[in-house]
Protein backbone atom coordinates (compact mmCIF):
# COMPACT_ATOMS: atom_id res chain seq x y z
CA MET A 1 70.78 60.85 -77.89
CA ASN A 2 69.33 58.64 -75.14
CA THR A 3 67.36 60.46 -72.46
CA PRO A 4 67.00 58.90 -69.01
CA ARG A 5 63.62 57.34 -68.44
CA PRO A 6 61.51 58.82 -65.65
CA PRO A 7 61.56 56.85 -62.40
CA ILE A 8 58.83 54.28 -61.80
CA SER A 9 56.44 55.32 -59.02
CA GLN A 10 55.53 52.29 -56.90
CA ALA A 11 55.59 51.06 -53.33
CA LEU A 12 58.70 49.28 -52.06
CA GLY A 13 58.41 45.51 -52.26
CA PRO A 14 59.79 42.97 -49.77
CA LEU A 15 62.76 41.56 -51.74
CA PHE A 16 66.26 42.98 -51.28
CA ILE A 17 68.56 41.68 -54.00
CA ASP A 18 72.14 42.23 -55.19
CA ILE A 19 74.03 42.72 -58.45
CA ALA A 20 77.17 41.14 -59.85
CA GLY A 21 79.36 44.06 -60.88
CA THR A 22 80.30 47.71 -60.48
CA GLU A 23 77.63 49.04 -62.82
CA LEU A 24 74.08 48.08 -63.71
CA THR A 25 73.26 45.76 -66.59
CA ASP A 26 69.95 45.79 -68.42
CA LEU A 27 68.92 42.72 -66.42
CA ASP A 28 69.80 44.52 -63.17
CA ARG A 29 67.64 47.49 -64.16
CA GLU A 30 64.75 45.18 -65.07
CA ARG A 31 64.98 43.31 -61.76
CA LEU A 32 65.40 46.45 -59.62
CA SER A 33 62.28 47.88 -61.27
CA HIS A 34 60.19 44.81 -60.44
CA PRO A 35 57.34 45.62 -58.00
CA LEU A 36 58.37 42.84 -55.58
CA VAL A 37 61.84 44.38 -55.16
CA GLY A 38 62.18 46.97 -52.41
CA GLY A 39 65.93 47.46 -52.05
CA ILE A 40 69.45 46.41 -52.95
CA ILE A 41 72.42 45.23 -50.92
CA LEU A 42 75.96 45.96 -52.11
CA PHE A 43 79.07 43.85 -51.56
CA SER A 44 82.82 44.35 -51.99
CA ARG A 45 82.55 43.22 -55.62
CA ASN A 46 80.33 46.24 -56.30
CA TYR A 47 82.98 48.71 -55.08
CA GLN A 48 85.88 49.94 -57.18
CA ASP A 49 86.37 53.47 -55.86
CA ARG A 50 84.30 56.30 -54.44
CA GLU A 51 83.52 57.87 -57.82
CA GLN A 52 82.27 54.57 -59.24
CA LEU A 53 80.16 53.90 -56.13
CA THR A 54 78.60 57.35 -56.35
CA ARG A 55 77.69 56.83 -60.01
CA LEU A 56 76.20 53.42 -59.24
CA CYS A 57 74.10 54.73 -56.36
CA THR A 58 72.89 57.68 -58.40
CA GLU A 59 71.66 55.40 -61.16
CA ILE A 60 69.97 53.01 -58.71
CA HIS A 61 68.19 55.92 -57.05
CA SER A 62 67.00 57.17 -60.44
CA LEU A 63 65.06 53.97 -61.18
CA ARG A 64 62.22 54.32 -58.69
CA THR A 65 60.27 56.76 -56.55
CA PRO A 66 60.43 56.45 -53.62
CA HIS A 67 63.95 55.44 -54.44
CA LEU A 68 65.21 51.98 -53.58
CA PRO A 69 67.12 51.87 -50.29
CA ILE A 70 70.76 51.04 -50.99
CA THR A 71 72.10 48.90 -48.15
CA ILE A 72 75.44 47.34 -47.27
CA ASP A 73 77.20 45.31 -44.56
CA HIS A 74 79.72 47.89 -43.40
CA GLU A 75 80.44 47.34 -39.71
CA GLY A 76 84.17 47.94 -39.29
CA GLY A 77 86.97 45.46 -38.74
CA ARG A 78 86.84 42.51 -41.10
CA VAL A 79 83.29 43.36 -42.25
CA GLN A 80 83.84 46.53 -44.25
CA ARG A 81 82.79 46.34 -47.89
CA CYS A 82 84.30 49.65 -49.07
CA ARG A 83 87.99 49.89 -48.21
CA GLU A 84 90.31 51.73 -50.60
CA GLY A 85 89.42 55.42 -50.26
CA PHE A 86 87.35 54.87 -47.10
CA THR A 87 88.49 55.13 -43.50
CA ALA A 88 89.53 51.79 -42.00
CA LEU A 89 87.13 51.35 -39.09
CA PRO A 90 88.12 49.35 -36.01
CA PRO A 91 86.32 46.12 -35.10
CA MET A 92 83.67 46.66 -32.46
CA ALA A 93 85.65 44.55 -30.00
CA ARG A 94 88.26 47.33 -29.98
CA LEU A 95 85.64 49.67 -28.54
CA GLY A 96 84.83 47.10 -25.87
CA GLN A 97 88.52 46.84 -25.07
CA LEU A 98 88.67 50.62 -24.77
CA TRP A 99 85.75 50.46 -22.32
CA ASP A 100 87.69 48.01 -20.14
CA GLU A 101 90.96 49.94 -20.36
CA ALA A 102 89.90 53.60 -20.35
CA GLY A 103 86.32 53.65 -19.09
CA ALA A 104 82.82 54.20 -20.38
CA GLU A 105 83.13 57.90 -21.25
CA LYS A 106 86.08 57.53 -23.57
CA ALA A 107 84.73 54.34 -25.17
CA THR A 108 81.25 55.71 -25.87
CA ALA A 109 82.74 58.92 -27.31
CA ALA A 110 84.86 56.83 -29.67
CA ALA A 111 81.86 54.65 -30.60
CA ARG A 112 79.82 57.72 -31.54
CA GLN A 113 82.64 58.97 -33.75
CA VAL A 114 83.01 55.57 -35.44
CA GLY A 115 79.29 55.62 -36.19
CA TYR A 116 79.52 59.16 -37.54
CA VAL A 117 82.40 58.37 -39.92
CA LEU A 118 80.85 55.07 -41.01
CA ALA A 119 77.56 56.72 -41.95
CA ALA A 120 78.98 59.98 -43.30
CA GLU A 121 81.34 58.29 -45.77
CA LEU A 122 78.70 55.88 -47.05
CA ARG A 123 76.07 58.58 -47.39
CA ALA A 124 78.50 60.88 -49.22
CA CYS A 125 78.62 58.20 -51.94
CA GLY A 126 74.87 57.52 -51.98
CA VAL A 127 74.50 54.47 -49.70
CA ASP A 128 71.44 54.82 -47.48
CA PHE A 129 71.76 52.17 -44.79
CA SER A 130 74.29 49.79 -43.23
CA PHE A 131 73.39 46.57 -41.41
CA THR A 132 75.03 47.58 -38.15
CA PRO A 133 75.51 47.27 -35.18
CA VAL A 134 76.11 43.67 -34.17
CA LEU A 135 74.48 43.18 -30.75
CA ASP A 136 75.62 39.59 -30.18
CA LEU A 137 77.49 38.94 -26.94
CA ASN A 138 81.09 37.81 -27.22
CA TYR A 139 81.23 34.49 -25.38
CA GLY A 140 84.50 33.63 -27.10
CA ARG A 141 82.77 30.69 -28.85
CA SER A 142 81.68 32.01 -32.25
CA SER A 143 84.35 32.57 -34.88
CA VAL A 144 81.88 34.20 -37.29
CA ILE A 145 80.94 36.80 -34.64
CA GLY A 146 84.23 37.15 -32.75
CA THR A 147 85.56 40.71 -32.90
CA ARG A 148 82.36 41.93 -34.55
CA SER A 149 80.89 41.92 -31.03
CA PHE A 150 81.44 44.87 -28.72
CA HIS A 151 81.72 42.94 -25.45
CA ARG A 152 80.57 40.01 -23.33
CA GLN A 153 78.38 42.12 -21.02
CA PRO A 154 74.96 43.08 -22.45
CA VAL A 155 74.85 46.49 -20.75
CA VAL A 156 78.25 47.39 -22.22
CA VAL A 157 77.09 46.20 -25.65
CA ALA A 158 73.96 48.32 -25.34
CA GLN A 159 75.79 51.48 -24.26
CA LEU A 160 78.46 51.24 -26.95
CA ALA A 161 75.83 50.42 -29.58
CA ALA A 162 73.71 53.38 -28.43
CA ALA A 163 76.68 55.70 -28.90
CA LEU A 164 77.46 54.27 -32.34
CA ILE A 165 73.80 54.65 -33.32
CA GLU A 166 73.90 58.29 -32.19
CA GLY A 167 76.76 58.83 -34.65
CA LEU A 168 74.85 57.09 -37.45
CA ARG A 169 71.76 59.19 -36.87
CA GLU A 170 73.73 62.42 -36.73
CA VAL A 171 74.15 62.10 -40.50
CA GLY A 172 70.73 60.63 -41.19
CA MET A 173 71.38 56.87 -41.19
CA GLY A 174 69.30 54.35 -39.26
CA ALA A 175 70.53 51.32 -37.34
CA CYS A 176 69.95 47.56 -37.66
CA GLY A 177 70.53 45.38 -34.60
CA LYS A 178 71.62 41.84 -35.38
CA HIS A 179 71.35 38.88 -34.90
CA PHE A 180 68.20 38.57 -32.76
CA PRO A 181 67.89 37.02 -30.20
CA GLY A 182 71.64 36.31 -30.18
CA HIS A 183 74.25 34.52 -32.30
CA GLY A 184 77.21 34.75 -29.93
CA TRP A 185 76.77 31.44 -28.09
CA VAL A 186 76.72 29.03 -31.05
CA GLU A 187 79.99 27.95 -32.61
CA ALA A 188 78.70 27.09 -36.09
CA ASP A 189 78.76 29.71 -38.86
CA SER A 190 75.27 30.10 -40.37
CA HIS A 191 76.82 30.99 -43.74
CA VAL A 192 77.91 27.35 -44.13
CA ALA A 193 76.06 25.41 -41.40
CA ILE A 194 72.80 25.28 -39.43
CA PRO A 195 73.63 26.52 -35.91
CA VAL A 196 71.66 25.18 -32.94
CA ASP A 197 71.60 26.93 -29.56
CA GLU A 198 70.50 24.42 -26.92
CA ARG A 199 70.09 26.98 -24.12
CA GLY A 200 66.76 27.66 -22.46
CA TRP A 201 64.69 30.83 -22.29
CA GLU A 202 66.26 32.18 -19.09
CA GLU A 203 69.79 31.91 -20.45
CA ILE A 204 68.89 33.55 -23.76
CA GLN A 205 67.37 36.53 -21.90
CA GLU A 206 70.87 37.92 -21.35
CA ASP A 207 71.53 37.95 -25.10
CA MET A 208 68.26 39.80 -25.69
CA ARG A 209 69.00 42.53 -23.17
CA PRO A 210 70.48 45.02 -25.72
CA TYR A 211 67.23 44.81 -27.74
CA HIS A 212 65.29 45.88 -24.66
CA LEU A 213 67.60 48.84 -24.07
CA LEU A 214 67.99 50.27 -27.58
CA ARG A 215 65.82 52.17 -30.04
CA LEU A 216 66.44 50.49 -33.39
CA ASP A 217 65.20 51.17 -36.91
CA ALA A 218 65.62 47.57 -38.05
CA VAL A 219 66.39 44.14 -36.62
CA MET A 220 67.79 41.05 -38.32
CA PRO A 221 66.96 37.68 -36.74
CA ALA A 222 69.61 34.97 -36.60
CA HIS A 223 69.71 31.87 -38.77
CA VAL A 224 69.94 29.93 -35.50
CA ILE A 225 67.57 27.29 -34.10
CA TYR A 226 66.74 27.52 -30.38
CA PRO A 227 64.95 24.15 -29.98
CA LYS A 228 63.85 24.72 -26.38
CA ILE A 229 61.77 27.66 -27.63
CA ASP A 230 60.88 26.73 -31.25
CA SER A 231 61.98 24.12 -33.77
CA ARG A 232 62.29 26.83 -36.46
CA SER A 233 65.27 29.17 -36.75
CA ALA A 234 64.56 32.70 -35.52
CA GLY A 235 64.11 34.24 -38.96
CA PHE A 236 61.44 31.67 -39.84
CA SER A 237 59.81 31.66 -36.42
CA PRO A 238 56.53 33.46 -35.65
CA VAL A 239 57.39 32.74 -32.00
CA TRP A 240 60.62 34.75 -32.05
CA ILE A 241 59.33 37.47 -34.35
CA GLY A 242 56.20 37.66 -32.20
CA LYS A 243 58.38 38.26 -29.15
CA LEU A 244 60.18 41.02 -31.03
CA ARG A 245 56.95 42.71 -32.11
CA ASN A 246 54.86 42.10 -29.00
CA SER A 247 57.13 41.65 -25.98
CA LEU A 248 59.68 44.25 -27.08
CA GLY A 249 57.18 46.47 -28.90
CA PHE A 250 59.45 46.76 -31.94
CA ASN A 251 57.80 48.55 -34.87
CA GLY A 252 60.72 48.93 -37.27
CA VAL A 253 61.79 46.81 -40.23
CA ILE A 254 62.47 43.12 -39.63
CA PHE A 255 65.00 41.88 -42.20
CA SER A 256 65.56 38.23 -42.86
CA ASP A 257 69.22 37.31 -42.92
CA ASP A 258 70.40 36.19 -46.36
CA LEU A 259 68.02 33.45 -47.49
CA SER A 260 70.65 31.86 -49.70
CA MET A 261 72.84 31.03 -46.68
CA GLU A 262 73.20 27.43 -45.49
CA GLY A 263 71.53 28.42 -42.22
CA ALA A 264 68.32 28.99 -44.20
CA SER A 265 68.38 25.59 -45.91
CA VAL A 266 66.20 24.02 -43.21
CA VAL A 267 63.14 25.32 -45.06
CA GLY A 268 63.75 24.10 -48.63
CA GLY A 269 64.20 26.02 -51.87
CA VAL A 270 64.35 29.77 -52.24
CA VAL A 271 60.61 30.20 -52.87
CA GLU A 272 59.79 28.22 -49.73
CA ARG A 273 62.36 30.17 -47.70
CA VAL A 274 61.04 33.54 -48.81
CA GLN A 275 57.46 32.52 -48.10
CA ALA A 276 58.37 31.10 -44.68
CA ALA A 277 60.21 34.28 -43.68
CA ARG A 278 57.28 36.40 -44.88
CA ASN A 279 54.80 34.18 -42.99
CA ALA A 280 56.88 34.47 -39.83
CA GLY A 281 56.63 38.26 -39.97
CA CYS A 282 59.72 39.51 -41.81
CA ASP A 283 59.15 42.75 -43.73
CA ALA A 284 62.24 42.61 -45.94
CA LEU A 285 63.67 39.44 -47.46
CA LEU A 286 67.36 39.33 -48.39
CA VAL A 287 68.41 37.06 -51.27
CA CYS A 288 72.13 37.47 -51.95
CA ASN A 289 74.84 35.88 -54.09
CA SER A 290 72.34 33.78 -56.01
CA PRO A 291 71.15 35.51 -59.20
CA ASP A 292 69.37 32.36 -60.39
CA SER A 293 67.35 32.33 -57.17
CA VAL A 294 66.32 35.95 -57.74
CA GLY A 295 65.19 35.07 -61.26
CA THR A 296 63.18 32.14 -59.92
CA LEU A 297 61.51 34.29 -57.28
CA LEU A 298 60.52 37.05 -59.66
CA LYS A 299 58.91 34.47 -61.94
CA GLU A 300 57.42 32.01 -59.47
CA TRP A 301 56.83 33.58 -56.06
CA PRO A 302 53.22 34.80 -55.77
CA GLY A 303 54.21 37.46 -53.26
CA THR A 304 52.45 40.74 -52.69
CA VAL A 305 53.49 44.17 -51.48
CA LEU A 306 52.17 44.69 -47.95
CA THR A 307 51.43 48.32 -47.18
CA SER A 308 52.62 48.10 -43.57
CA ALA A 309 55.95 46.53 -44.56
CA ALA A 310 56.45 48.95 -47.46
CA THR A 311 55.85 51.90 -45.14
CA ARG A 312 58.37 50.60 -42.61
CA ILE A 313 60.98 50.01 -45.35
CA GLU A 314 60.46 53.52 -46.72
CA ARG A 315 61.25 54.94 -43.27
CA LEU A 316 64.83 53.66 -43.70
CA LEU A 317 65.44 56.26 -46.39
CA PRO A 318 67.38 59.23 -45.01
CA ALA A 319 65.23 62.28 -44.35
CA LYS A 320 67.98 64.76 -45.17
CA ALA A 321 70.47 65.17 -47.99
CA ALA A 322 74.07 64.13 -47.41
CA PRO A 323 77.11 66.32 -48.03
CA SER A 324 79.38 65.40 -50.92
CA TRP A 325 82.74 63.77 -50.23
CA ASP A 326 84.52 67.10 -50.74
CA GLN A 327 82.15 68.85 -48.37
CA LEU A 328 82.66 66.09 -45.82
CA GLN A 329 86.44 66.62 -45.83
CA ARG A 330 85.88 70.21 -44.67
CA ASP A 331 83.59 69.19 -41.81
CA GLU A 332 85.28 69.81 -38.44
CA GLY A 333 83.32 67.07 -36.69
CA TYR A 334 84.35 64.55 -39.30
CA ARG A 335 88.02 65.52 -39.06
CA ALA A 336 87.92 65.24 -35.27
CA ALA A 337 86.30 61.83 -35.51
CA LEU A 338 89.03 60.65 -37.89
CA LYS A 339 91.70 61.58 -35.34
CA THR A 340 89.99 59.44 -32.71
CA ILE A 341 89.65 56.48 -35.06
CA HIS A 342 93.27 56.72 -36.19
CA ALA A 343 94.37 56.83 -32.55
CA GLN A 344 92.53 53.55 -31.89
CA ALA A 345 94.37 51.90 -34.79
CA THR A 346 97.82 52.64 -33.37
């Protein structure tokens, strides 16, 4: 009979990696136990049903202490990794539309309930953190942002995001604002291109306004170049990350966006990208959908675990236990939130 091995006790490293399937392989376990790895991001391919997801998260958590943060892109609308068995969440633009049609009070109440359901369902299955909310302004130019954005007006974006974050935190989940300083103006999709925003500092200030108004646990810079400010894209730029740390006083986790995306190709290979993002000031370095790149990094990157970054990453772990899925179904607040969300879908 095989007995589970005790968890490895080590600080959380800077690399956040992914896996290919719905359960861990021996190679996955080896990589997730590597000292340079500090978390995992899940995708739709890693989700089969709630029971499978719960088993997967339980095993991932058993590998390390403190346990690896399990993260996911689960925003609502078209960016929702877990679907069958989960509540279909509206796109954030629907909440902005509700603001315009029914007023701030009704829209912010709905946003809080969306945040509550989003976080409660993920946490009931073992997921710790979702990369949400999108704080980009909807200029009507960016197809990759589009309905992921709450609104065109920064104050409306900030108020709706604040309400959604309140719902997340009610069940112990933090919030990640993205994509700093703003991805809504550029038309190119950084997944497949290198977007360039030619606006000057004064114009970009409007996009940054939500970051001034919100208390965030994490921020993800954009794979966008703003050449009038810096020749490097924001996630590789000490200038932009310095503004985030110093001008805005942000002391949470700074995540790179996925370093395997085309928008990151301005720097070179994966080792160069990871080092550039670390040098710029990113705490956590996402490398997704490229298992060969992860293998290269773990063999060739001479990275170290920085105590300050590891401490910030550890703060993303929920401080309280989550109810099970069955317990969640009996929660009156959850049931009331579902009614609101279903009403927005009709």
